[in-house]
Each structure stands twice: as C-alpha cells, then as structure tokens.
C-alpha cells in the first residue's frame, strides 16, 4: 500500500456550497452539511491544547521564590479587558471570563483571522 492510498482528499470549504449548488440539480443544504461533516470526521479526535491567557507578568527568579499564598500578582491587563485564547500555542481568538454554575469558563467574543504565510 503506498502513501497515496491512505490520503483522504479534503473538501474545499470556501467554495463547497457554491460548487455543489451549481453542479447538483437536487441540491440540499442538509445533505451537503452532512457530507462535509463526514469528510471531516477523521480529525474530530485529534487532540489540541487550548489555553486562555488572563495576562502576563515579568519578574526575577528571586521575586518568584518570594511568592506565597495570598500574594497578589499584577498582570499586564486591566479588569474587563479581553483575554487571549490560544490553540496549540497559536492565538486564534479573544474572549471573556464567565462563571458557569460554580466553574470558570471562557466565552469567545472575537475569532481572529489566521495569517497565512
């Protein structure tokens, strides 16, 4: 079996609706969405690391060692300012901290457009 036998072609998500609508006489948006979801099913179980960064602080190691319970650490952000959301160490969105029942969460308020290199 060669490497090309295991490659699955990815759908063109930018033009998928346009090309299918033009080519299919019995075009159905639900069927198209189901086909796209089925095509992407292989990546649903790929693990990613998601980080929500409230802010940053810079200090010397000596200062770090002096920190203890109850120490207030000043961050480079103001109260109410958006936090950064990273996926695999890449900034992808900004959001706000929310309280859901008794747990903290993050809601995305802005999804950043990826810069292609």
PDB file of N, CA and C in Angstrom:
ATOM      1  N   UNK A   1       0.850  -1.169   0.000  1.00  0.00           N
ATOM      2  CA  UNK A   1       0.000   0.000   0.000  1.00  0.00           C
ATOM      3  C   UNK A   1       0.896   1.233   0.000  1.00  0.00           C
ATOM      4  N   UNK A   2       0.688   2.181  -0.882  1.00  0.00           N
ATOM      5  CA  UNK A   2       1.515   3.373  -0.954  1.00  0.00           C
ATOM      6  C   UNK A   2       0.921   4.479  -0.089  1.00  0.00           C
ATOM      7  N   UNK A   3       1.695   5.569   0.080  1.00  0.00           N
ATOM      8  CA  UNK A   3       1.238   6.706   0.887  1.00  0.00           C
ATOM      9  C   UNK A   3       0.003   7.355   0.281  1.00  0.00           C
ATOM     10  N   UNK A   4      -0.105   7.338  -1.030  1.00  0.00           N
ATOM     11  CA  UNK A   4      -1.249   7.997  -1.672  1.00  0.00           C
ATOM     12  C   UNK A   4      -2.538   7.229  -1.472  1.00  0.00           C
ATOM     13  N   UNK A   5      -2.458   5.925  -1.142  1.00  0.00           N
ATOM     14  CA  UNK A   5      -3.668   5.139  -0.914  1.00  0.00           C
ATOM     15  C   UNK A   5      -4.363   5.541   0.380  1.00  0.00           C
ATOM     16  N   UNK A   6      -3.627   6.087   1.343  1.00  0.00           N
ATOM     17  CA  UNK A   6      -4.217   6.433   2.644  1.00  0.00           C
ATOM     18  C   UNK A   6      -4.613   7.895   2.732  1.00  0.00           C
ATOM     19  N   UNK A   7      -4.288   8.692   1.737  1.00  0.00           N
ATOM     20  CA  UNK A   7      -4.634  10.111   1.779  1.00  0.00           C
ATOM     21  C   UNK A   7      -6.095  10.311   1.426  1.00  0.00           C
ATOM     22  N   UNK A   8      -6.752  11.117   2.236  1.00  0.00           N
ATOM     23  CA  UNK A   8      -8.155  11.437   2.007  1.00  0.00           C
ATOM     24  C   UNK A   8      -8.223  12.865   1.497  1.00  0.00           C
ATOM     25  N   UNK A   9      -8.869  13.093   0.360  1.00  0.00           N
ATOM     26  CA  UNK A   9      -8.947  14.465  -0.144  1.00  0.00           C
ATOM     27  C   UNK A   9      -9.815  15.313   0.771  1.00  0.00           C
ATOM     28  N   UNK A  10      -9.357  16.545   1.061  1.00  0.00           N
ATOM     29  CA  UNK A  10     -10.122  17.449   1.905  1.00  0.00           C
ATOM     30  C   UNK A  10     -11.061  18.286   1.043  1.00  0.00           C
ATOM     31  N   UNK A  11     -12.254  18.545   1.537  1.00  0.00           N
ATOM     32  CA  UNK A  11     -13.193  19.358   0.752  1.00  0.00           C
ATOM     33  C   UNK A  11     -12.766  20.819   0.746  1.00  0.00           C
ATOM     34  N   UNK A  12     -13.126  21.531  -0.297  1.00  0.00           N
ATOM     35  CA  UNK A  12     -12.884  22.966  -0.377  1.00  0.00           C
ATOM     36  C   UNK A  12     -14.035  23.639   0.349  1.00  0.00           C
ATOM     37  N   UNK A  13     -13.826  23.969   1.637  1.00  0.00           N
ATOM     38  CA  UNK A  13     -14.903  24.507   2.459  1.00  0.00           C
ATOM     39  C   UNK A  13     -15.292  25.918   2.046  1.00  0.00           C
ATOM     40  N   UNK A  14     -14.379  26.652   1.414  1.00  0.00           N
ATOM     41  CA  UNK A  14     -14.697  28.014   0.993  1.00  0.00           C
ATOM     42  C   UNK A  14     -15.683  28.034  -0.166  1.00  0.00           C
ATOM     43  N   UNK A  15     -15.588  27.074  -1.068  1.00  0.00           N
ATOM     44  CA  UNK A  15     -16.441  27.065  -2.251  1.00  0.00           C
ATOM     45  C   UNK A  15     -17.340  25.837  -2.314  1.00  0.00           C
ATOM     46  N   UNK A  16     -17.451  25.090  -1.212  1.00  0.00           N
ATOM     47  CA  UNK A  16     -18.210  23.839  -1.236  1.00  0.00           C
ATOM     48  C   UNK A  16     -19.669  24.069  -1.566  1.00  0.00           C
ATOM     49  N   UNK A  17     -20.289  25.052  -0.950  1.00  0.00           N
ATOM     50  CA  UNK A  17     -21.716  25.293  -1.179  1.00  0.00           C
ATOM     51  C   UNK A  17     -21.960  25.786  -2.596  1.00  0.00           C
ATOM     52  N   UNK A  18     -21.078  26.662  -3.100  1.00  0.00           N
ATOM     53  CA  UNK A  18     -21.251  27.209  -4.435  1.00  0.00           C
ATOM     54  C   UNK A  18     -21.106  26.141  -5.512  1.00  0.00           C
ATOM     55  N   UNK A  19     -20.053  25.328  -5.415  1.00  0.00           N
ATOM     56  CA  UNK A  19     -19.805  24.338  -6.458  1.00  0.00           C
ATOM     57  C   UNK A  19     -20.861  23.246  -6.450  1.00  0.00           C
ATOM     58  N   UNK A  20     -21.299  22.812  -5.269  1.00  0.00           N
ATOM     59  CA  UNK A  20     -22.310  21.775  -5.200  1.00  0.00           C
ATOM     60  C   UNK A  20     -23.652  22.291  -5.680  1.00  0.00           C
ATOM     61  N   UNK A  21     -23.973  23.523  -5.342  1.00  0.00           N
ATOM     62  CA  UNK A  21     -25.255  24.087  -5.751  1.00  0.00           C
ATOM     63  C   UNK A  21     -25.306  24.216  -7.264  1.00  0.00           C
ATOM     64  N   UNK A  22     -24.189  24.541  -7.878  1.00  0.00           N
ATOM     65  CA  UNK A  22     -24.161  24.710  -9.315  1.00  0.00           C
ATOM     66  C   UNK A  22     -24.205  23.366 -10.036  1.00  0.00           C
ATOM     67  N   UNK A  23     -23.605  22.324  -9.468  1.00  0.00           N
ATOM     68  CA  UNK A  23     -23.493  21.040 -10.138  1.00  0.00           C
ATOM     69  C   UNK A  23     -24.636  20.080  -9.831  1.00  0.00           C
ATOM     70  N   UNK A  24     -25.231  20.148  -8.649  1.00  0.00           N
ATOM     71  CA  UNK A  24     -26.284  19.226  -8.252  1.00  0.00           C
ATOM     72  C   UNK A  24     -27.658  19.810  -8.562  1.00  0.00           C
ATOM     73  N   UNK A  25     -28.447  19.064  -9.316  1.00  0.00           N
ATOM     74  CA  UNK A  25     -29.792  19.517  -9.641  1.00  0.00           C
ATOM     75  C   UNK A  25     -30.662  19.467  -8.397  1.00  0.00           C
ATOM     76  N   UNK A  26     -30.559  18.399  -7.604  1.00  0.00           N
ATOM     77  CA  UNK A  26     -31.353  18.243  -6.389  1.00  0.00           C
ATOM     78  C   UNK A  26     -30.558  18.672  -5.169  1.00  0.00           C
ATOM     79  N   UNK A  27     -29.995  19.861  -5.188  1.00  0.00           N
ATOM     80  CA  UNK A  27     -29.138  20.356  -4.113  1.00  0.00           C
ATOM     81  C   UNK A  27     -29.930  20.501  -2.824  1.00  0.00           C
ATOM     82  N   UNK A  28     -29.338  19.988  -1.739  1.00  0.00           N
ATOM     83  CA  UNK A  28     -29.969  20.061  -0.427  1.00  0.00           C
ATOM     84  C   UNK A  28     -28.899  20.471   0.569  1.00  0.00           C
ATOM     85  N   UNK A  29     -29.112  21.589   1.268  1.00  0.00           N
ATOM     86  CA  UNK A  29     -28.103  22.109   2.202  1.00  0.00           C
ATOM     87  C   UNK A  29     -27.812  21.134   3.331  1.00  0.00           C
ATOM     88  N   UNK A  30     -28.832  20.417   3.821  1.00  0.00           N
ATOM     89  CA  UNK A  30     -28.625  19.463   4.913  1.00  0.00           C
ATOM     90  C   UNK A  30     -27.731  18.309   4.471  1.00  0.00           C
ATOM     91  N   UNK A  31     -27.956  17.819   3.266  1.00  0.00           N
ATOM     92  CA  UNK A  31     -27.123  16.733   2.747  1.00  0.00           C
ATOM     93  C   UNK A  31     -25.683  17.205   2.564  1.00  0.00           C
ATOM     94  N   UNK A  32     -25.514  18.428   2.079  1.00  0.00           N
ATOM     95  CA  UNK A  32     -24.172  18.979   1.875  1.00  0.00           C
ATOM     96  C   UNK A  32     -23.450  19.118   3.220  1.00  0.00           C
ATOM     97  N   UNK A  33     -24.136  19.627   4.231  1.00  0.00           N
ATOM     98  CA  UNK A  33     -23.531  19.781   5.556  1.00  0.00           C
ATOM     99  C   UNK A  33     -23.150  18.420   6.131  1.00  0.00           C
ATOM    100  N   UNK A  34     -24.000  17.422   5.934  1.00  0.00           N
ATOM    101  CA  UNK A  34     -23.710  16.077   6.427  1.00  0.00           C
ATOM    102  C   UNK A  34     -22.485  15.498   5.718  1.00  0.00           C
ATOM    103  N   UNK A  35     -22.363  15.758   4.414  1.00  0.00           N
ATOM    104  CA  UNK A  35     -21.205  15.270   3.657  1.00  0.00           C
ATOM    105  C   UNK A  35     -19.918  15.933   4.145  1.00  0.00           C
ATOM    106  N   UNK A  36     -19.968  17.229   4.387  1.00  0.00           N
ATOM    107  CA  UNK A  36     -18.784  17.937   4.863  1.00  0.00           C
ATOM    108  C   UNK A  36     -18.396  17.429   6.246  1.00  0.00           C
ATOM    109  N   UNK A  37     -19.381  17.244   7.134  1.00  0.00           N
ATOM    110  CA  UNK A  37     -19.102  16.728   8.482  1.00  0.00           C
ATOM    111  C   UNK A  37     -18.495  15.328   8.405  1.00  0.00           C
ATOM    112  N   UNK A  38     -19.009  14.497   7.515  1.00  0.00           N
ATOM    113  CA  UNK A  38     -18.473  13.139   7.367  1.00  0.00           C
ATOM    114  C   UNK A  38     -17.035  13.182   6.846  1.00  0.00           C
ATOM    115  N   UNK A  39     -16.749  14.111   5.939  1.00  0.00           N
ATOM    116  CA  UNK A  39     -15.395  14.242   5.401  1.00  0.00           C
ATOM    117  C   UNK A  39     -14.409  14.678   6.482  1.00  0.00           C
ATOM    118  N   UNK A  40     -14.870  15.478   7.425  1.00  0.00           N
ATOM    119  CA  UNK A  40     -14.002  15.992   8.483  1.00  0.00           C
ATOM    120  C   UNK A  40     -13.956  15.100   9.712  1.00  0.00           C
ATOM    121  N   UNK A  41     -14.732  14.034   9.731  1.00  0.00           N
ATOM    122  CA  UNK A  41     -14.831  13.169  10.905  1.00  0.00           C
ATOM    123  C   UNK A  41     -13.477  12.610  11.336  1.00  0.00           C
ATOM    124  N   UNK A  42     -12.565  12.428  10.410  1.00  0.00           N
ATOM    125  CA  UNK A  42     -11.255  11.866  10.739  1.00  0.00           C
ATOM    126  C   UNK A  42     -10.451  12.767  11.669  1.00  0.00           C
ATOM    127  N   UNK A  43     -10.714  14.068  11.679  1.00  0.00           N
ATOM    128  CA  UNK A  43      -9.938  14.975  12.526  1.00  0.00           C
ATOM    129  C   UNK A  43     -10.640  15.303  13.843  1.00  0.00           C
ATOM    130  N   UNK A  44     -11.836  14.799  14.063  1.00  0.00           N
ATOM    131  CA  UNK A  44     -12.574  15.106  15.291  1.00  0.00           C
ATOM    132  C   UNK A  44     -11.854  14.637  16.546  1.00  0.00           C
ATOM    133  N   UNK A  45     -11.069  13.572  16.490  1.00  0.00           N
ATOM    134  CA  UNK A  45     -10.393  13.024  17.654  1.00  0.00           C
ATOM    135  C   UNK A  45      -8.936  13.469  17.781  1.00  0.00           C
ATOM    136  N   UNK A  46      -8.511  14.425  16.967  1.00  0.00           N
ATOM    137  CA  UNK A  46      -7.144  14.923  17.054  1.00  0.00           C
ATOM    138  C   UNK A  46      -7.055  15.839  18.278  1.00  0.00           C
ATOM    139  N   UNK A  47      -6.163  15.521  19.225  1.00  0.00           N
ATOM    140  CA  UNK A  47      -6.071  16.351  20.433  1.00  0.00           C
ATOM    141  C   UNK A  47      -5.395  17.687  20.142  1.00  0.00           C
ATOM    142  N   UNK A  48      -5.896  18.743  20.764  1.00  0.00           N
ATOM    143  CA  UNK A  48      -5.294  20.068  20.670  1.00  0.00           C
ATOM    144  C   UNK A  48      -5.192  20.644  22.078  1.00  0.00           C
ATOM    145  N   UNK A  49      -4.244  21.539  22.279  1.00  0.00           N
ATOM    146  CA  UNK A  49      -4.074  22.202  23.569  1.00  0.00           C
ATOM    147  C   UNK A  49      -4.698  23.585  23.469  1.00  0.00           C
ATOM    148  N   UNK A  50      -5.651  23.875  24.354  1.00  0.00           N
ATOM    149  CA  UNK A  50      -6.318  25.174  24.379  1.00  0.00           C
ATOM    150  C   UNK A  50      -5.897  25.897  25.652  1.00  0.00           C
ATOM    151  N   UNK A  51      -5.439  27.151  25.511  1.00  0.00           N
ATOM    152  CA  UNK A  51      -5.013  27.958  26.649  1.00  0.00           C
ATOM    153  C   UNK A  51      -5.741  29.291  26.620  1.00  0.00           C
ATOM    154  N   UNK A  52      -6.198  29.728  27.786  1.00  0.00           N
ATOM    155  CA  UNK A  52      -6.798  31.051  27.930  1.00  0.00           C
ATOM    156  C   UNK A  52      -5.870  31.863  28.820  1.00  0.00           C
ATOM    157  N   UNK A  53      -5.301  32.930  28.281  1.00  0.00           N
ATOM    158  CA  UNK A  53      -4.299  33.709  28.999  1.00  0.00           C
ATOM    159  C   UNK A  53      -4.945  34.985  29.528  1.00  0.00           C
ATOM    160  N   UNK A  54      -5.002  35.095  30.859  1.00  0.00           N
ATOM    161  CA  UNK A  54      -5.566  36.273  31.512  1.00  0.00           C
ATOM    162  C   UNK A  54      -4.631  37.469  31.398  1.00  0.00           C
ATOM    163  N   UNK A  55      -3.345  37.218  31.446  1.00  0.00           N
ATOM    164  CA  UNK A  55      -2.353  38.278  31.377  1.00  0.00           C
ATOM    165  C   UNK A  55      -0.977  37.717  31.656  1.00  0.00           C
ATOM    166  N   UNK A  56       0.017  38.579  31.603  1.00  0.00           N
ATOM    167  CA  UNK A  56       1.393  38.154  31.825  1.00  0.00           C
ATOM    168  C   UNK A  56       2.061  39.097  32.814  1.00  0.00           C
ATOM    169  N   UNK A  57       3.108  38.586  33.440  1.00  0.00           N
ATOM    170  CA  UNK A  57       3.911  39.382  34.365  1.00  0.00           C
ATOM    171  C   UNK A  57       5.356  38.934  34.236  1.00  0.00           C
ATOM    172  N   UNK A  58       6.273  39.883  34.386  1.00  0.00           N
ATOM    173  CA  UNK A  58       7.697  39.564  34.265  1.00  0.00           C
ATOM    174  C   UNK A  58       8.357  39.852  35.597  1.00  0.00           C
ATOM    175  N   UNK A  59       9.186  38.917  36.088  1.00  0.00           N
ATOM    176  CA  UNK A  59       9.882  39.105  37.361  1.00  0.00           C
ATOM    177  C   UNK A  59      11.153  38.271  37.384  1.00  0.00           C
ATOM    178  N   UNK A  60      12.013  38.630  38.307  1.00  0.00           N
ATOM    179  CA  UNK A  60      13.249  37.872  38.513  1.00  0.00           C
ATOM    180  C   UNK A  60      12.933  36.595  39.290  1.00  0.00           C
ATOM    181  N   UNK A  61      13.831  35.628  39.203  1.00  0.00           N
ATOM    182  CA  UNK A  61      13.647  34.366  39.914  1.00  0.00           C
ATOM    183  C   UNK A  61      13.559  34.600  41.415  1.00  0.00           C
ATOM    184  N   UNK A  62      14.344  35.550  41.937  1.00  0.00           N
ATOM    185  CA  UNK A  62      14.309  35.857  43.359  1.00  0.00           C
ATOM    186  C   UNK A  62      12.923  36.323  43.808  1.00  0.00           C
ATOM    187  N   UNK A  63      12.281  37.162  42.980  1.00  0.00           N
ATOM    188  CA  UNK A  63      10.922  37.622  43.283  1.00  0.00           C
ATOM    189  C   UNK A  63       9.931  36.465  43.218  1.00  0.00           C
ATOM    190  N   UNK A  64      10.114  35.600  42.243  1.00  0.00           N
ATOM    191  CA  UNK A  64       9.228  34.439  42.071  1.00  0.00           C
ATOM    192  C   UNK A  64       9.272  33.537  43.297  1.00  0.00           C
ATOM    193  N   UNK A  65      10.474  33.335  43.849  1.00  0.00           N
ATOM    194  CA  UNK A  65      10.623  32.462  45.012  1.00  0.00           C
ATOM    195  C   UNK A  65       9.990  33.056  46.275  1.00  0.00           C
ATOM    196  N   UNK A  66       9.796  34.365  46.304  1.00  0.00           N
ATOM    197  CA  UNK A  66       9.183  35.026  47.457  1.00  0.00           C
ATOM    198  C   UNK A  66       7.655  34.971  47.437  1.00  0.00           C
ATOM    199  N   UNK A  67       7.067  34.544  46.304  1.00  0.00           N
ATOM    200  CA  UNK A  67       5.606  34.477  46.203  1.00  0.00           C
ATOM    201  C   UNK A  67       5.066  33.403  47.140  1.00  0.00           C
ATOM    202  N   UNK A  68       3.927  33.670  47.720  1.00  0.00           N
ATOM    203  CA  UNK A  68       3.297  32.693  48.612  1.00  0.00           C
ATOM    204  C   UNK A  68       1.784  32.803  48.509  1.00  0.00           C
ATOM    205  N   UNK A  69       1.074  31.990  49.284  1.00  0.00           N
ATOM    206  CA  UNK A  69      -0.396  32.046  49.268  1.00  0.00           C
ATOM    207  C   UNK A  69      -0.878  33.447  49.635  1.00  0.00           C
ATOM    208  N   UNK A  70      -1.827  33.954  48.873  1.00  0.00           N
ATOM    209  CA  UNK A  70      -2.395  35.270  49.125  1.00  0.00           C
ATOM    210  C   UNK A  70      -1.659  36.410  48.457  1.00  0.00           C
ATOM    211  N   UNK A  71      -0.535  36.122  47.796  1.00  0.00           N
ATOM    212  CA  UNK A  71       0.209  37.170  47.101  1.00  0.00           C
ATOM    213  C   UNK A  71      -0.576  37.622  45.873  1.00  0.00           C
ATOM    214  N   UNK A  72      -0.677  38.921  45.702  1.00  0.00           N
ATOM    215  CA  UNK A  72      -1.348  39.479  44.521  1.00  0.00           C
ATOM    216  C   UNK A  72      -0.286  39.732  43.457  1.00  0.00           C
ATOM    217  N   UNK A  73      -0.511  39.174  42.293  1.00  0.00           N
ATOM    218  CA  UNK A  73       0.427  39.302  41.185  1.00  0.00           C
ATOM    219  C   UNK A  73      -0.183  40.231  40.148  1.00  0.00           C
ATOM    220  N   UNK A  74       0.475  41.341  39.865  1.00  0.00           N
ATOM    221  CA  UNK A  74      -0.034  42.311  38.900  1.00  0.00           C
ATOM    222  C   UNK A  74       0.219  41.812  37.483  1.00  0.00           C
ATOM    223  N   UNK A  75      -0.833  41.803  36.673  1.00  0.00           N
ATOM    224  CA  UNK A  75      -0.731  41.361  35.280  1.00  0.00           C
ATOM    225  C   UNK A  75      -0.730  42.572  34.354  1.00  0.00           C
ATOM    226  N   UNK A  76      -0.425  42.337  33.089  1.00  0.00           N
ATOM    227  CA  UNK A  76      -0.354  43.418  32.109  1.00  0.00           C
ATOM    228  C   UNK A  76      -1.713  43.746  31.476  1.00  0.00           C
ATOM    229  N   UNK A  77      -2.799  43.310  32.079  1.00  0.00           N
ATOM    230  CA  UNK A  77      -4.144  43.566  31.557  1.00  0.00           C
ATOM    231  C   UNK A  77      -4.972  44.297  32.592  1.00  0.00           C
ATOM    232  N   UNK A  78      -5.988  44.987  32.123  1.00  0.00           N
ATOM    233  CA  UNK A  78      -6.914  45.683  33.011  1.00  0.00           C
ATOM    234  C   UNK A  78      -8.158  44.829  33.218  1.00  0.00           C
ATOM    235  N   UNK A  79      -8.893  45.120  34.270  1.00  0.00           N
ATOM    236  CA  UNK A  79     -10.149  44.424  34.550  1.00  0.00           C
ATOM    237  C   UNK A  79     -11.104  44.669  33.388  1.00  0.00           C
ATOM    238  N   UNK A  80     -11.729  43.617  32.897  1.00  0.00           N
ATOM    239  CA  UNK A  80     -12.680  43.733  31.799  1.00  0.00           C
ATOM    240  C   UNK A  80     -12.058  43.652  30.418  1.00  0.00           C
ATOM    241  N   UNK A  81     -10.732  43.676  30.333  1.00  0.00           N
ATOM    242  CA  UNK A  81     -10.063  43.576  29.034  1.00  0.00           C
ATOM    243  C   UNK A  81     -10.140  42.133  28.532  1.00  0.00           C
ATOM    244  N   UNK A  82     -10.225  41.978  27.224  1.00  0.00           N
ATOM    245  CA  UNK A  82     -10.340  40.647  26.623  1.00  0.00           C
ATOM    246  C   UNK A  82      -9.111  39.796  26.937  1.00  0.00           C
ATOM    247  N   UNK A  83      -9.332  38.496  27.100  1.00  0.00           N
ATOM    248  CA  UNK A  83      -8.233  37.562  27.298  1.00  0.00           C
ATOM    249  C   UNK A  83      -7.895  36.902  25.970  1.00  0.00           C
ATOM    250  N   UNK A  84      -6.686  36.380  25.853  1.00  0.00           N
ATOM    251  CA  UNK A  84      -6.243  35.724  24.625  1.00  0.00           C
ATOM    252  C   UNK A  84      -6.519  34.230  24.716  1.00  0.00           C
ATOM    253  N   UNK A  85      -6.999  33.647  23.621  1.00  0.00           N
ATOM    254  CA  UNK A  85      -7.266  32.211  23.549  1.00  0.00           C
ATOM    255  C   UNK A  85      -6.337  31.617  22.497  1.00  0.00           C
ATOM    256  N   UNK A  86      -5.524  30.680  22.940  1.00  0.00           N
ATOM    257  CA  UNK A  86      -4.547  30.027  22.068  1.00  0.00           C
ATOM    258  C   UNK A  86      -4.947  28.582  21.829  1.00  0.00           C
ATOM    259  N   UNK A  87      -4.730  28.099  20.616  1.00  0.00           N
ATOM    260  CA  UNK A  87      -4.873  26.684  20.293  1.00  0.00           C
ATOM    261  C   UNK A  87      -3.526  26.234  19.744  1.00  0.00           C
ATOM    262  N   UNK A  88      -2.927  25.255  20.419  1.00  0.00           N
ATOM    263  CA  UNK A  88      -1.578  24.787  20.065  1.00  0.00           C
ATOM    264  C   UNK A  88      -0.597  25.953  19.953  1.00  0.00           C
ATOM    265  N   UNK A  89      -0.612  26.829  20.963  1.00  0.00           N
ATOM    266  CA  UNK A  89       0.294  27.976  21.058  1.00  0.00           C
ATOM    267  C   UNK A  89       0.123  28.994  19.933  1.00  0.00           C
ATOM    268  N   UNK A  90      -1.027  29.005  19.285  1.00  0.00           N
ATOM    269  CA  UNK A  90      -1.316  29.981  18.231  1.00  0.00           C
ATOM    270  C   UNK A  90      -2.544  30.779  18.640  1.00  0.00           C
ATOM    271  N   UNK A  91      -2.419  32.100  18.645  1.00  0.00           N
ATOM    272  CA  UNK A  91      -3.520  32.967  19.027  1.00  0.00           C
ATOM    273  C   UNK A  91      -4.636  32.851  17.993  1.00  0.00           C
ATOM    274  N   UNK A  92      -5.822  32.407  18.428  1.00  0.00           N
ATOM    275  CA  UNK A  92      -6.927  32.208  17.492  1.00  0.00           C
ATOM    276  C   UNK A  92      -8.158  33.044  17.830  1.00  0.00           C
ATOM    277  N   UNK A  93      -8.251  33.521  19.080  1.00  0.00           N
ATOM    278  CA  UNK A  93      -9.461  34.253  19.459  1.00  0.00           C
ATOM    279  C   UNK A  93      -9.204  35.096  20.697  1.00  0.00           C
ATOM    280  N   UNK A  94     -10.165  35.958  20.986  1.00  0.00           N
ATOM    281  CA  UNK A  94     -10.181  36.717  22.234  1.00  0.00           C
ATOM    282  C   UNK A  94     -11.521  36.458  22.886  1.00  0.00           C
ATOM    283  N   UNK A  95     -11.559  36.587  24.208  1.00  0.00           N
ATOM    284  CA  UNK A  95     -12.804  36.288  24.891  1.00  0.00           C
ATOM    285  C   UNK A  95     -12.897  36.916  26.258  1.00  0.00           C
ATOM    286  N   UNK A  96     -13.907  36.478  26.994  1.00  0.00           N
ATOM    287  CA  UNK A  96     -14.172  36.976  28.336  1.00  0.00           C
ATOM    288  C   UNK A  96     -14.313  35.806  29.289  1.00  0.00           C
ATOM    289  N   UNK A  97     -13.917  36.035  30.538  1.00  0.00           N
ATOM    290  CA  UNK A  97     -14.090  35.028  31.574  1.00  0.00           C
ATOM    291  C   UNK A  97     -15.549  35.061  32.018  1.00  0.00           C
ATOM    292  N   UNK A  98     -16.158  33.874  32.129  1.00  0.00           N
ATOM    293  CA  UNK A  98     -17.548  33.767  32.575  1.00  0.00           C
ATOM    294  C   UNK A  98     -17.628  32.751  33.710  1.00  0.00           C
ATOM    295  N   UNK A  99     -18.681  32.861  34.493  1.00  0.00           N
ATOM    296  CA  UNK A  99     -18.935  31.916  35.570  1.00  0.00           C
ATOM    297  C   UNK A  99     -20.104  31.041  35.156  1.00  0.00           C
ATOM    298  N   UNK A 100     -19.870  29.721  35.077  1.00  0.00           N
ATOM    299  CA  UNK A 100     -20.903  28.759  34.707  1.00  0.00           C
ATOM    300  C   UNK A 100     -21.096  27.845  35.910  1.00  0.00           C
ATOM    301  N   UNK A 101     -22.253  28.009  36.559  1.00  0.00           N
ATOM    302  CA  UNK A 101     -22.527  27.347  37.831  1.00  0.00           C
ATOM    303  C   UNK A 101     -21.414  27.711  38.800  1.00  0.00           C
ATOM    304  N   UNK A 102     -20.579  26.783  39.222  1.00  0.00           N
ATOM    305  CA  UNK A 102     -19.509  27.126  40.166  1.00  0.00           C
ATOM    306  C   UNK A 102     -18.123  27.016  39.530  1.00  0.00           C
ATOM    307  N   UNK A 103     -18.062  27.038  38.188  1.00  0.00           N
ATOM    308  CA  UNK A 103     -16.780  26.900  37.492  1.00  0.00           C
ATOM    309  C   UNK A 103     -16.535  28.100  36.590  1.00  0.00           C
ATOM    310  N   UNK A 104     -15.250  28.422  36.414  1.00  0.00           N
ATOM    311  CA  UNK A 104     -14.878  29.477  35.478  1.00  0.00           C
ATOM    312  C   UNK A 104     -14.827  28.918  34.068  1.00  0.00           C
ATOM    313  N   UNK A 105     -15.195  29.739  33.120  1.00  0.00           N
ATOM    314  CA  UNK A 105     -15.138  29.356  31.722  1.00  0.00           C
ATOM    315  C   UNK A 105     -14.731  30.552  30.885  1.00  0.00           C
ATOM    316  N   UNK A 106     -14.654  30.358  29.604  1.00  0.00           N
ATOM    317  CA  UNK A 106     -14.294  31.425  28.671  1.00  0.00           C
ATOM    318  C   UNK A 106     -15.291  31.417  27.534  1.00  0.00           C
ATOM    319  N   UNK A 107     -15.777  32.582  27.183  1.00  0.00           N
ATOM    320  CA  UNK A 107     -16.627  32.713  26.005  1.00  0.00           C
ATOM    321  C   UNK A 107     -15.864  33.503  24.952  1.00  0.00           C
ATOM    322  N   UNK A 108     -15.867  33.027  23.724  1.00  0.00           N
ATOM    323  CA  UNK A 108     -15.155  33.713  22.648  1.00  0.00           C
ATOM    324  C   UNK A 108     -15.992  34.881  22.171  1.00  0.00           C
ATOM    325  N   UNK A 109     -15.385  36.053  22.119  1.00  0.00           N
ATOM    326  CA  UNK A 109     -16.065  37.246  21.635  1.00  0.00           C
ATOM    327  C   UNK A 109     -15.554  37.689  20.278  1.00  0.00           C
ATOM    328  N   UNK A 110     -14.359  37.217  19.915  1.00  0.00           N
ATOM    329  CA  UNK A 110     -13.761  37.604  18.638  1.00  0.00           C
ATOM    330  C   UNK A 110     -12.873  36.462  18.150  1.00  0.00           C
ATOM    331  N   UNK A 111     -13.120  35.993  16.943  1.00  0.00           N
ATOM    332  CA  UNK A 111     -12.255  34.971  16.340  1.00  0.00           C
ATOM    333  C   UNK A 111     -11.333  35.696  15.368  1.00  0.00           C
ATOM    334  N   UNK A 112     -10.043  35.488  15.542  1.00  0.00           N
ATOM    335  CA  UNK A 112      -9.056  36.185  14.739  1.00  0.00           C
ATOM    336  C   UNK A 112      -8.800  35.455  13.434  1.00  0.00           C
ATOM    337  N   UNK A 113      -8.701  36.199  12.377  1.00  0.00           N
ATOM    338  CA  UNK A 113      -8.427  35.613  11.071  1.00  0.00           C
ATOM    339  C   UNK A 113      -6.977  35.166  11.021  1.00  0.00           C
ATOM    340  N   UNK A 114      -6.756  33.944  10.578  1.00  0.00           N
ATOM    341  CA  UNK A 114      -5.399  33.392  10.523  1.00  0.00           C
ATOM    342  C   UNK A 114      -4.609  34.061   9.415  1.00  0.00           C
ATOM    343  N   UNK A 115      -3.369  34.404   9.744  1.00  0.00           N
ATOM    344  CA  UNK A 115      -2.479  34.954   8.729  1.00  0.00           C
ATOM    345  C   UNK A 115      -1.727  33.813   8.086  1.00  0.00           C
ATOM    346  N   UNK A 116      -1.885  33.645   6.796  1.00  0.00           N
ATOM    347  CA  UNK A 116      -1.214  32.558   6.069  1.00  0.00           C
ATOM    348  C   UNK A 116       0.146  33.024   5.619  1.00  0.00           C
ATOM    349  N   UNK A 117       1.130  32.149   5.778  1.00  0.00           N
ATOM    350  CA  UNK A 117       2.488  32.518   5.357  1.00  0.00           C
ATOM    351  C   UNK A 117       2.872  31.778   4.101  1.00  0.00           C
TER     352      UNK A 117
END
